[in-house]
């Protein structure tokens, strides 16, 4: 008790308690609205994948051709030089590249989403645009994971052996690939004015990464200039991390893993944070300037 006061502390006035309760309810309602918007955007991307069968077919056919087709053809050349199974080598590289590309390409469609369907209403709704971007990242990462699961099932069906530890490692590397791809896609669309220009530039940015990230052929022993350029490719760290998870403890690890999982993970986390922050800031600025 305070000095000179014989009774207990005075209770807050009813009006003050009522105002505090309203503030808490308002904050709770705002948080619920933000979370609902996030889930709505994420759910829509998954539903779009299920309904868009041509996109689903193409996104699955391309990795299958790379793994079974080119992976098998390279066995007579790359396989003899490296001493590793090139089908398994192609699987680990194509899995990482597919997750990265799927998440990145999906983020670019946010421009179309802004102009059509209920997304138009979301962009003028009283929710943070960062929440909408987070929902888009979640949804496109979920879409990429669905495609990745199909790729893993196909690889097992054609004879690629996977144990529980490998699957756990691939899952972690796959999630990292999705998040980096989403950050890359967000930064790409935020830096360009239209979806059309973004898609054109996106292809220019993705195709060299397939070549210089070691998706089908290990980067070990690459010419010095190409090796130096390869360090600038974000996809390269996803591929290397996926290979480290797949070949951990095997004899071929040193022949196919170049930078190591620790460095890969550090670079992926740093790039994801930087690209996402820059992309979100640019996107927020463009939306406010509309």
Protein backbone atom coordinates (compact mmCIF):
# COMPACT_ATOMS: atom_id res chain seq x y z
CA UNK A 1 0.00 0.00 0.00
CA UNK A 2 1.12 3.55 -0.65
CA UNK A 3 2.26 5.77 2.27
CA UNK A 4 -0.65 7.59 3.87
CA UNK A 5 -3.25 5.34 2.26
CA UNK A 6 -4.91 2.76 4.49
CA UNK A 7 -6.97 1.05 1.80
CA UNK A 8 -5.90 -1.03 -1.20
CA UNK A 9 -4.79 0.41 -4.54
CA UNK A 10 -7.71 2.05 -6.34
CA UNK A 11 -9.10 -0.02 -9.18
CA UNK A 12 -9.11 1.29 -12.72
CA UNK A 13 -12.16 3.19 -13.71
CA UNK A 14 -14.78 1.17 -15.61
CA UNK A 15 -14.33 3.38 -18.67
CA UNK A 16 -10.57 2.69 -18.73
CA UNK A 17 -11.10 -1.06 -18.37
CA UNK A 18 -13.66 -0.96 -21.17
CA UNK A 19 -11.28 0.95 -23.46
CA UNK A 20 -8.49 -1.53 -22.75
CA UNK A 21 -10.77 -4.45 -23.55
CA UNK A 22 -11.85 -2.87 -26.82
CA UNK A 23 -8.22 -2.29 -27.79
CA UNK A 24 -7.33 -5.93 -27.10
CA UNK A 25 -10.34 -7.13 -29.09
CA UNK A 26 -9.42 -4.80 -31.95
CA UNK A 27 -5.85 -6.14 -32.02
CA UNK A 28 -7.12 -9.72 -31.91
CA UNK A 29 -9.56 -9.02 -34.72
CA UNK A 30 -6.83 -7.42 -36.83
CA UNK A 31 -4.50 -10.38 -36.28
CA UNK A 32 -7.29 -12.79 -37.22
CA UNK A 33 -8.01 -10.80 -40.39
CA UNK A 34 -4.34 -10.76 -41.38
CA UNK A 35 -4.01 -14.52 -40.79
CA UNK A 36 -7.21 -15.23 -42.72
CA UNK A 37 -5.93 -13.19 -45.67
CA UNK A 38 -2.62 -15.05 -45.58
CA UNK A 39 -4.36 -18.42 -45.63
CA UNK A 40 -6.74 -17.28 -48.37
CA UNK A 41 -3.92 -16.30 -50.71
CA UNK A 42 -1.96 -19.49 -49.94
CA UNK A 43 -5.01 -21.71 -50.41
CA UNK A 44 -5.83 -20.10 -53.74
CA UNK A 45 -2.39 -20.95 -55.15
CA UNK A 46 -2.78 -24.62 -54.22
CA UNK A 47 -6.28 -24.75 -55.72
CA UNK A 48 -5.01 -23.11 -58.91
CA UNK A 49 -2.37 -25.84 -59.24
CA UNK A 50 -4.95 -28.62 -58.87
CA UNK A 51 -7.23 -27.03 -61.46
CA UNK A 52 -4.50 -26.02 -63.91
CA UNK A 53 -3.70 -29.47 -65.29
CA UNK A 54 -1.60 -28.26 -68.25
CA UNK A 55 0.70 -26.35 -65.89
CA UNK A 56 0.90 -29.32 -63.56
CA UNK A 57 1.68 -31.67 -66.44
CA UNK A 58 4.41 -29.46 -67.89
CA UNK A 59 5.98 -28.79 -64.50
CA UNK A 60 6.21 -32.53 -63.87
CA UNK A 61 7.12 -33.64 -67.42
CA UNK A 62 10.18 -31.39 -67.66
CA UNK A 63 11.93 -32.75 -64.52
CA UNK A 64 11.03 -36.31 -65.55
CA UNK A 65 12.67 -35.83 -68.97
CA UNK A 66 15.78 -34.36 -67.41
CA UNK A 67 16.14 -37.12 -64.82
CA UNK A 68 15.28 -40.15 -66.92
CA UNK A 69 16.36 -38.84 -70.33
CA UNK A 70 19.49 -36.74 -69.88
CA UNK A 71 20.44 -38.52 -66.68
CA UNK A 72 20.51 -41.83 -68.53
CA UNK A 73 22.36 -40.42 -71.56
CA UNK A 74 25.08 -38.86 -69.39
CA UNK A 75 25.92 -42.16 -67.73
CA UNK A 76 28.27 -43.12 -70.56
CA UNK A 77 30.26 -39.88 -70.28
CA UNK A 78 29.85 -38.01 -67.00
CA UNK A 79 29.11 -41.23 -65.13
CA UNK A 80 32.41 -42.78 -66.18
CA UNK A 81 34.40 -39.66 -65.27
CA UNK A 82 32.79 -39.05 -61.87
CA UNK A 83 32.05 -42.66 -60.97
CA UNK A 84 28.53 -41.80 -59.80
CA UNK A 85 25.11 -42.75 -61.06
CA UNK A 86 24.06 -39.84 -63.29
CA UNK A 87 20.34 -40.62 -62.88
CA UNK A 88 20.67 -40.09 -59.13
CA UNK A 89 22.93 -37.10 -59.80
CA UNK A 90 20.32 -35.57 -62.11
CA UNK A 91 17.55 -36.31 -59.60
CA UNK A 92 19.24 -34.39 -56.77
CA UNK A 93 20.03 -31.42 -59.01
CA UNK A 94 16.70 -31.29 -60.84
CA UNK A 95 14.74 -31.57 -57.59
CA UNK A 96 16.42 -28.47 -56.16
CA UNK A 97 16.17 -26.55 -59.44
CA UNK A 98 12.48 -27.44 -59.89
CA UNK A 99 11.56 -26.29 -56.39
CA UNK A 100 13.49 -23.05 -56.85
CA UNK A 101 12.00 -22.33 -60.29
CA UNK A 102 8.42 -23.26 -59.34
CA UNK A 103 8.38 -20.97 -56.30
CA UNK A 104 10.04 -18.14 -58.23
CA UNK A 105 7.71 -18.36 -61.24
CA UNK A 106 4.68 -18.53 -58.97
CA UNK A 107 5.64 -15.28 -57.25
CA UNK A 108 5.71 -13.51 -60.60
CA UNK A 109 2.01 -14.28 -61.09
CA UNK A 110 1.19 -11.92 -58.23
CA UNK A 111 0.82 -9.13 -60.80
CA UNK A 112 -1.95 -11.06 -62.56
CA UNK A 113 -3.53 -11.90 -59.20
CA UNK A 114 -3.63 -8.21 -58.36
CA UNK A 115 -5.83 -7.50 -61.39
CA UNK A 116 -8.18 -10.50 -61.36
CA UNK A 117 -10.55 -12.53 -59.19
CA UNK A 118 -10.80 -11.90 -55.48
CA UNK A 119 -7.13 -10.86 -55.23
CA UNK A 120 -8.20 -7.46 -56.57
CA UNK A 121 -10.38 -7.10 -53.51
CA UNK A 122 -7.60 -8.28 -51.20
CA UNK A 123 -5.24 -5.61 -52.46
CA UNK A 124 -7.69 -2.90 -51.42
CA UNK A 125 -8.75 -4.68 -48.23
CA UNK A 126 -7.61 -3.32 -44.84
CA UNK A 127 -4.82 -5.88 -44.46
CA UNK A 128 -1.10 -5.41 -44.79
CA UNK A 129 0.39 -6.01 -48.22
CA UNK A 130 3.21 -7.82 -46.44
CA UNK A 131 0.60 -10.31 -45.25
CA UNK A 132 -0.49 -10.87 -48.85
CA UNK A 133 3.14 -11.40 -49.87
CA UNK A 134 3.63 -13.85 -47.00
CA UNK A 135 0.53 -15.73 -48.15
CA UNK A 136 1.87 -15.82 -51.69
CA UNK A 137 5.23 -17.17 -50.49
CA UNK A 138 3.45 -19.82 -48.42
CA UNK A 139 1.15 -20.83 -51.24
CA UNK A 140 3.79 -21.03 -53.94
CA UNK A 141 6.13 -22.92 -51.61
CA UNK A 142 3.32 -25.42 -50.96
CA UNK A 143 2.77 -25.76 -54.72
CA UNK A 144 6.48 -26.37 -55.26
CA UNK A 145 6.55 -28.95 -52.45
CA UNK A 146 3.67 -30.85 -54.10
CA UNK A 147 5.64 -30.98 -57.33
CA UNK A 148 8.77 -32.02 -55.44
CA UNK A 149 6.93 -34.94 -53.83
CA UNK A 150 5.88 -36.15 -57.28
CA UNK A 151 9.49 -35.91 -58.49
CA UNK A 152 10.70 -37.95 -55.51
CA UNK A 153 8.04 -40.62 -56.14
CA UNK A 154 9.08 -40.84 -59.80
CA UNK A 155 12.77 -41.11 -58.88
CA UNK A 156 12.06 -43.97 -56.47
CA UNK A 157 9.96 -45.67 -59.17
CA UNK A 158 12.88 -45.67 -61.65
CA UNK A 159 15.33 -47.07 -59.11
CA UNK A 160 16.80 -44.16 -57.11
CA UNK A 161 17.30 -45.44 -53.57
CA UNK A 162 16.37 -43.22 -50.64
CA UNK A 163 16.46 -43.95 -46.92
CA UNK A 164 14.78 -42.07 -44.10
CA UNK A 165 17.76 -39.83 -43.35
CA UNK A 166 18.09 -38.87 -46.99
CA UNK A 167 14.40 -38.01 -47.20
CA UNK A 168 14.69 -35.82 -44.10
CA UNK A 169 17.71 -34.04 -45.55
CA UNK A 170 16.01 -33.57 -48.91
CA UNK A 171 12.94 -32.13 -47.16
CA UNK A 172 15.03 -29.50 -45.36
CA UNK A 173 17.02 -28.62 -48.48
CA UNK A 174 13.79 -28.50 -50.48
CA UNK A 175 12.19 -26.02 -48.10
CA UNK A 176 15.28 -23.82 -48.31
CA UNK A 177 15.12 -24.00 -52.12
CA UNK A 178 11.44 -22.96 -52.11
CA UNK A 179 12.02 -19.96 -49.85
CA UNK A 180 15.04 -18.74 -51.82
CA UNK A 181 13.14 -19.21 -55.07
CA UNK A 182 10.18 -17.23 -53.70
CA UNK A 183 12.49 -14.41 -52.60
CA UNK A 184 14.16 -14.42 -56.01
CA UNK A 185 10.80 -14.27 -57.79
CA UNK A 186 9.51 -11.49 -55.54
CA UNK A 187 12.60 -9.36 -56.13
CA UNK A 188 12.29 -9.95 -59.88
CA UNK A 189 8.65 -8.88 -60.14
CA UNK A 190 9.13 -5.96 -57.76
CA UNK A 191 11.97 -4.56 -59.86
CA UNK A 192 10.04 -4.73 -63.14
CA UNK A 193 6.90 -2.81 -64.11
CA UNK A 194 4.76 -5.54 -65.73
CA UNK A 195 4.22 -9.29 -65.62
CA UNK A 196 5.13 -9.63 -69.29
CA UNK A 197 8.53 -8.01 -68.85
CA UNK A 198 9.08 -10.00 -65.66
CA UNK A 199 8.42 -13.31 -67.44
CA UNK A 200 10.81 -12.40 -70.27
CA UNK A 201 13.58 -11.38 -67.91
CA UNK A 202 12.83 -14.34 -65.64
CA UNK A 203 13.63 -16.84 -68.40
CA UNK A 204 16.88 -15.02 -69.08
CA UNK A 205 17.78 -15.27 -65.40
CA UNK A 206 16.75 -18.92 -64.92
CA UNK A 207 18.23 -20.70 -67.96
CA UNK A 208 21.88 -19.77 -67.20
CA UNK A 209 21.39 -21.03 -63.65
CA UNK A 210 20.46 -24.49 -64.93
CA UNK A 211 23.78 -24.55 -66.79
CA UNK A 212 26.01 -22.93 -64.17
CA UNK A 213 24.48 -24.42 -61.02
CA UNK A 214 25.60 -27.98 -61.67
CA UNK A 215 22.07 -29.30 -62.08
CA UNK A 216 23.13 -32.18 -64.37
CA UNK A 217 26.92 -32.02 -64.28
CA UNK A 218 28.99 -31.44 -61.11
CA UNK A 219 30.82 -28.12 -60.92
CA UNK A 220 34.02 -29.76 -59.70
CA UNK A 221 36.70 -29.32 -62.36
CA UNK A 222 34.82 -26.58 -64.24
CA UNK A 223 36.91 -23.93 -66.08
CA UNK A 224 38.04 -21.10 -63.83
CA UNK A 225 35.88 -18.40 -65.44
CA UNK A 226 32.71 -20.51 -65.43
CA UNK A 227 33.48 -21.62 -61.89
CA UNK A 228 33.74 -18.00 -60.77
CA UNK A 229 30.46 -17.04 -62.47
CA UNK A 230 28.77 -20.06 -60.91
CA UNK A 231 29.28 -18.58 -57.43
CA UNK A 232 26.91 -15.75 -58.43
CA UNK A 233 24.01 -18.12 -59.19
CA UNK A 234 21.49 -18.41 -56.31
CA UNK A 235 20.25 -21.77 -57.58
CA UNK A 236 23.77 -23.18 -57.28
CA UNK A 237 23.59 -23.17 -53.47
CA UNK A 238 20.22 -24.96 -53.50
CA UNK A 239 21.58 -27.67 -55.80
CA UNK A 240 24.73 -28.08 -53.74
CA UNK A 241 22.75 -28.28 -50.47
CA UNK A 242 20.41 -30.88 -51.98
CA UNK A 243 23.39 -32.92 -53.19
CA UNK A 244 25.00 -32.71 -49.77
CA UNK A 245 21.80 -34.13 -48.23
CA UNK A 246 21.50 -36.88 -50.83
CA UNK A 247 25.15 -37.99 -50.91
CA UNK A 248 25.94 -37.54 -47.19
CA UNK A 249 28.12 -40.42 -46.04
CA UNK A 250 28.60 -41.89 -49.52
CA UNK A 251 31.80 -42.34 -51.50
CA UNK A 252 30.72 -39.90 -54.21
CA UNK A 253 30.18 -36.97 -51.83
CA UNK A 254 33.51 -35.22 -52.56
CA UNK A 255 33.02 -35.53 -56.32
CA UNK A 256 29.60 -33.85 -56.48
CA UNK A 257 29.48 -31.43 -53.52
CA UNK A 258 31.63 -28.33 -54.02
CA UNK A 259 30.99 -25.67 -51.38
CA UNK A 260 29.59 -27.73 -48.49
CA UNK A 261 26.25 -27.59 -46.64
CA UNK A 262 27.31 -25.03 -44.00
CA UNK A 263 28.32 -22.40 -46.56
CA UNK A 264 25.30 -23.28 -48.72
CA UNK A 265 22.90 -22.79 -45.84
CA UNK A 266 24.48 -19.51 -44.75
CA UNK A 267 24.29 -18.09 -48.27
CA UNK A 268 20.71 -19.32 -48.78
CA UNK A 269 19.52 -17.74 -45.53
CA UNK A 270 21.29 -14.45 -46.30
CA UNK A 271 20.05 -14.31 -49.89
CA UNK A 272 16.50 -15.24 -48.91
CA UNK A 273 16.36 -12.52 -46.28
CA UNK A 274 17.93 -9.90 -48.57
CA UNK A 275 15.87 -10.68 -51.68
CA UNK A 276 12.62 -10.93 -49.72
CA UNK A 277 13.23 -7.66 -47.87
CA UNK A 278 14.20 -5.79 -51.05
CA UNK A 279 11.35 -7.30 -53.04
CA UNK A 280 8.77 -6.55 -50.34
CA UNK A 281 9.99 -2.95 -49.98
CA UNK A 282 9.89 -2.34 -53.75
CA UNK A 283 6.51 -4.00 -54.09
CA UNK A 284 5.07 -1.93 -51.24
CA UNK A 285 6.43 1.23 -52.83
CA UNK A 286 4.98 0.41 -56.25
CA UNK A 287 1.59 -0.40 -54.74
CA UNK A 288 1.46 2.89 -52.83
CA UNK A 289 2.52 4.81 -55.94
CA UNK A 290 -0.27 3.32 -58.10
